[in-house]
Amino acid sequence: MKFFISLGLAALIGVGIRYLMVTLISPSALALIIVNGLGCLGAGFIFLDHTEISKILSIGLFGALTTYSAYNTQLFSWLQEGRWLEVLGYTVLMNLLCLGCFMLGHTFRLYLN
């Protein structure tokens, strides 16, 4: 039960950070890129940990922080408008950025050990 409550609290923090980012930056693709990059950076940092806290952070905090459903909503809206160049650029940028951030976080963690 303690794990479940901790997971929920971590998710609450992640959702709060995402809300603030989207509110401060604007509900735009840029805000989604930033929160997804931050979430992937954090997930990469704790990737090798198999502790309870790393599961809470990975699933709760970083899971709630990242925005796969919002990402797809943005893509779908552009698809409906026929904005194919934005769809292609955003898809490539988001995937490369998130993979790069994950790898950077993981490398930084290895460096610290």
C-alpha atoms as a PDB file:
ATOM      1  CA  MET A   1       0.000   0.000   0.000  1.00  0.00           C
ATOM      2  CA  LYS A   2       2.892   2.346   0.810  1.00  0.00           C
ATOM      3  CA  PHE A   3       4.305   1.786  -2.697  1.00  0.00           C
ATOM      4  CA  PHE A   4       0.945   2.585  -4.313  1.00  0.00           C
ATOM      5  CA  ILE A   5       0.537   5.812  -2.324  1.00  0.00           C
ATOM      6  CA  SER A   6       4.114   6.857  -3.145  1.00  0.00           C
ATOM      7  CA  LEU A   7       3.478   6.112  -6.808  1.00  0.00           C
ATOM      8  CA  GLY A   8       0.362   8.279  -6.751  1.00  0.00           C
ATOM      9  CA  LEU A   9       2.171  11.158  -5.071  1.00  0.00           C
ATOM     10  CA  ALA A  10       4.997  10.977  -7.603  1.00  0.00           C
ATOM     11  CA  ALA A  11       2.442  10.999 -10.429  1.00  0.00           C
ATOM     12  CA  LEU A  12       0.758  14.023  -8.870  1.00  0.00           C
ATOM     13  CA  ILE A  13       4.083  15.871  -8.896  1.00  0.00           C
ATOM     14  CA  GLY A  14       4.752  14.860 -12.517  1.00  0.00           C
ATOM     15  CA  VAL A  15       1.327  16.012 -13.652  1.00  0.00           C
ATOM     16  CA  GLY A  16       1.781  19.258 -11.717  1.00  0.00           C
ATOM     17  CA  ILE A  17       5.100  19.949 -13.427  1.00  0.00           C
ATOM     18  CA  ARG A  18       3.587  19.177 -16.827  1.00  0.00           C
ATOM     19  CA  TYR A  19       0.622  21.466 -16.130  1.00  0.00           C
ATOM     20  CA  LEU A  20       2.915  24.317 -15.063  1.00  0.00           C
ATOM     21  CA  MET A  21       5.132  23.884 -18.125  1.00  0.00           C
ATOM     22  CA  VAL A  22       2.182  23.892 -20.510  1.00  0.00           C
ATOM     23  CA  THR A  23       0.642  26.866 -18.696  1.00  0.00           C
ATOM     24  CA  LEU A  24       3.874  28.874 -18.557  1.00  0.00           C
ATOM     25  CA  ILE A  25       5.089  28.122 -22.070  1.00  0.00           C
ATOM     26  CA  SER A  26       1.659  27.788 -23.703  1.00  0.00           C
ATOM     27  CA  PRO A  27      -0.215  24.706 -24.829  1.00  0.00           C
ATOM     28  CA  SER A  28       2.080  24.227 -27.788  1.00  0.00           C
ATOM     29  CA  ALA A  29       4.347  21.672 -29.325  1.00  0.00           C
ATOM     30  CA  LEU A  30       7.326  23.348 -27.625  1.00  0.00           C
ATOM     31  CA  ALA A  31       5.940  22.657 -24.154  1.00  0.00           C
ATOM     32  CA  LEU A  32       5.388  19.006 -25.053  1.00  0.00           C
ATOM     33  CA  ILE A  33       8.919  18.698 -26.416  1.00  0.00           C
ATOM     34  CA  ILE A  34      10.352  20.143 -23.198  1.00  0.00           C
ATOM     35  CA  VAL A  35       8.368  17.946 -20.786  1.00  0.00           C
ATOM     36  CA  ASN A  36       8.968  14.816 -22.842  1.00  0.00           C
ATOM     37  CA  GLY A  37      12.685  15.612 -23.016  1.00  0.00           C
ATOM     38  CA  LEU A  38      12.864  16.152 -19.248  1.00  0.00           C
ATOM     39  CA  GLY A  39      10.923  12.956 -18.572  1.00  0.00           C
ATOM     40  CA  CYS A  40      13.185  10.918 -20.837  1.00  0.00           C
ATOM     41  CA  LEU A  41      16.295  12.463 -19.298  1.00  0.00           C
ATOM     42  CA  GLY A  42      15.120  11.448 -15.825  1.00  0.00           C
ATOM     43  CA  ALA A  43      14.053   7.979 -16.957  1.00  0.00           C
ATOM     44  CA  GLY A  44      17.440   7.428 -18.562  1.00  0.00           C
ATOM     45  CA  PHE A  45      19.177   8.545 -15.381  1.00  0.00           C
ATOM     46  CA  ILE A  46      17.465   5.884 -13.257  1.00  0.00           C
ATOM     47  CA  PHE A  47      17.268   3.203 -15.969  1.00  0.00           C
ATOM     48  CA  LEU A  48      19.665   0.733 -14.328  1.00  0.00           C
ATOM     49  CA  ASP A  49      18.174   1.024 -10.868  1.00  0.00           C
ATOM     50  CA  HIS A  50      15.799  -1.727  -9.877  1.00  0.00           C
ATOM     51  CA  THR A  51      14.843  -0.251  -6.539  1.00  0.00           C
ATOM     52  CA  GLU A  52      11.415   0.685  -5.310  1.00  0.00           C
ATOM     53  CA  ILE A  53      12.197   4.400  -5.516  1.00  0.00           C
ATOM     54  CA  SER A  54      13.340   4.097  -9.140  1.00  0.00           C
ATOM     55  CA  LYS A  55      10.071   2.362 -10.019  1.00  0.00           C
ATOM     56  CA  ILE A  56       8.118   5.114  -8.272  1.00  0.00           C
ATOM     57  CA  LEU A  57      10.048   7.796 -10.156  1.00  0.00           C
ATOM     58  CA  SER A  58       9.954   6.026 -13.515  1.00  0.00           C
ATOM     59  CA  ILE A  59       6.290   5.054 -13.484  1.00  0.00           C
ATOM     60  CA  GLY A  60       4.883   7.839 -11.321  1.00  0.00           C
ATOM     61  CA  LEU A  61       6.883  11.021 -11.797  1.00  0.00           C
ATOM     62  CA  PHE A  62       8.292  10.557 -15.299  1.00  0.00           C
ATOM     63  CA  GLY A  63       5.264   8.613 -16.541  1.00  0.00           C
ATOM     64  CA  ALA A  64       2.931  11.423 -15.513  1.00  0.00           C
ATOM     65  CA  LEU A  65       5.322  14.113 -16.723  1.00  0.00           C
ATOM     66  CA  THR A  66       5.595  12.814 -20.271  1.00  0.00           C
ATOM     67  CA  THR A  67       2.721  13.405 -22.619  1.00  0.00           C
ATOM     68  CA  TYR A  68       2.232  10.695 -25.198  1.00  0.00           C
ATOM     69  CA  SER A  69      -1.504  11.353 -25.478  1.00  0.00           C
ATOM     70  CA  ALA A  70      -0.955  15.104 -25.843  1.00  0.00           C
ATOM     71  CA  TYR A  71       1.774  14.403 -28.404  1.00  0.00           C
ATOM     72  CA  ASN A  72      -0.647  12.355 -30.506  1.00  0.00           C
ATOM     73  CA  THR A  73      -3.395  14.949 -30.108  1.00  0.00           C
ATOM     74  CA  GLN A  74      -1.061  17.588 -31.548  1.00  0.00           C
ATOM     75  CA  LEU A  75      -0.065  15.300 -34.425  1.00  0.00           C
ATOM     76  CA  PHE A  76      -3.671  14.403 -35.206  1.00  0.00           C
ATOM     77  CA  SER A  77      -4.730  18.030 -35.241  1.00  0.00           C
ATOM     78  CA  TRP A  78      -1.954  18.848 -37.728  1.00  0.00           C
ATOM     79  CA  LEU A  79      -2.885  15.817 -39.843  1.00  0.00           C
ATOM     80  CA  GLN A  80      -6.472  17.028 -40.030  1.00  0.00           C
ATOM     81  CA  GLU A  81      -5.221  20.427 -41.183  1.00  0.00           C
ATOM     82  CA  GLY A  82      -2.961  18.855 -43.815  1.00  0.00           C
ATOM     83  CA  ARG A  83       0.207  20.197 -42.158  1.00  0.00           C
ATOM     84  CA  TRP A  84       2.375  17.272 -43.234  1.00  0.00           C
ATOM     85  CA  LEU A  85       5.713  19.061 -42.859  1.00  0.00           C
ATOM     86  CA  GLU A  86       4.967  19.896 -39.213  1.00  0.00           C
ATOM     87  CA  VAL A  87       3.883  16.292 -38.572  1.00  0.00           C
ATOM     88  CA  LEU A  88       7.103  14.925 -40.041  1.00  0.00           C
ATOM     89  CA  GLY A  89       9.374  17.444 -38.318  1.00  0.00           C
ATOM     90  CA  TYR A  90       7.663  17.129 -34.952  1.00  0.00           C
ATOM     91  CA  THR A  91       7.719  13.328 -35.079  1.00  0.00           C
ATOM     92  CA  VAL A  92      11.419  13.182 -35.942  1.00  0.00           C
ATOM     93  CA  LEU A  93      12.352  15.908 -33.442  1.00  0.00           C
ATOM     94  CA  MET A  94      10.348  14.388 -30.565  1.00  0.00           C
ATOM     95  CA  ASN A  95      11.702  10.886 -31.100  1.00  0.00           C
ATOM     96  CA  LEU A  96      15.316  11.947 -31.555  1.00  0.00           C
ATOM     97  CA  LEU A  97      15.147  14.376 -28.635  1.00  0.00           C
ATOM     98  CA  CYS A  98      13.573  11.856 -26.271  1.00  0.00           C
ATOM     99  CA  LEU A  99      15.970   9.073 -27.233  1.00  0.00           C
ATOM    100  CA  GLY A 100      18.889  11.476 -26.941  1.00  0.00           C
ATOM    101  CA  CYS A 101      17.721  12.730 -23.526  1.00  0.00           C
ATOM    102  CA  PHE A 102      17.249   9.176 -22.285  1.00  0.00           C
ATOM    103  CA  MET A 103      20.769   8.264 -23.436  1.00  0.00           C
ATOM    104  CA  LEU A 104      22.192  11.439 -21.889  1.00  0.00           C
ATOM    105  CA  GLY A 105      20.537  10.715 -18.548  1.00  0.00           C
ATOM    106  CA  HIS A 106      21.762   7.120 -18.639  1.00  0.00           C
ATOM    107  CA  THR A 107      25.317   8.182 -19.551  1.00  0.00           C
ATOM    108  CA  PHE A 108      25.360  10.809 -16.809  1.00  0.00           C
ATOM    109  CA  ARG A 109      24.265   8.193 -14.281  1.00  0.00           C
ATOM    110  CA  LEU A 110      27.021   5.816 -15.426  1.00  0.00           C
ATOM    111  CA  TYR A 111      29.512   8.651 -15.131  1.00  0.00           C
ATOM    112  CA  LEU A 112      28.454   9.286 -11.518  1.00  0.00           C
ATOM    113  CA  ASN A 113      28.937   5.641 -10.589  1.00  0.00           C
END
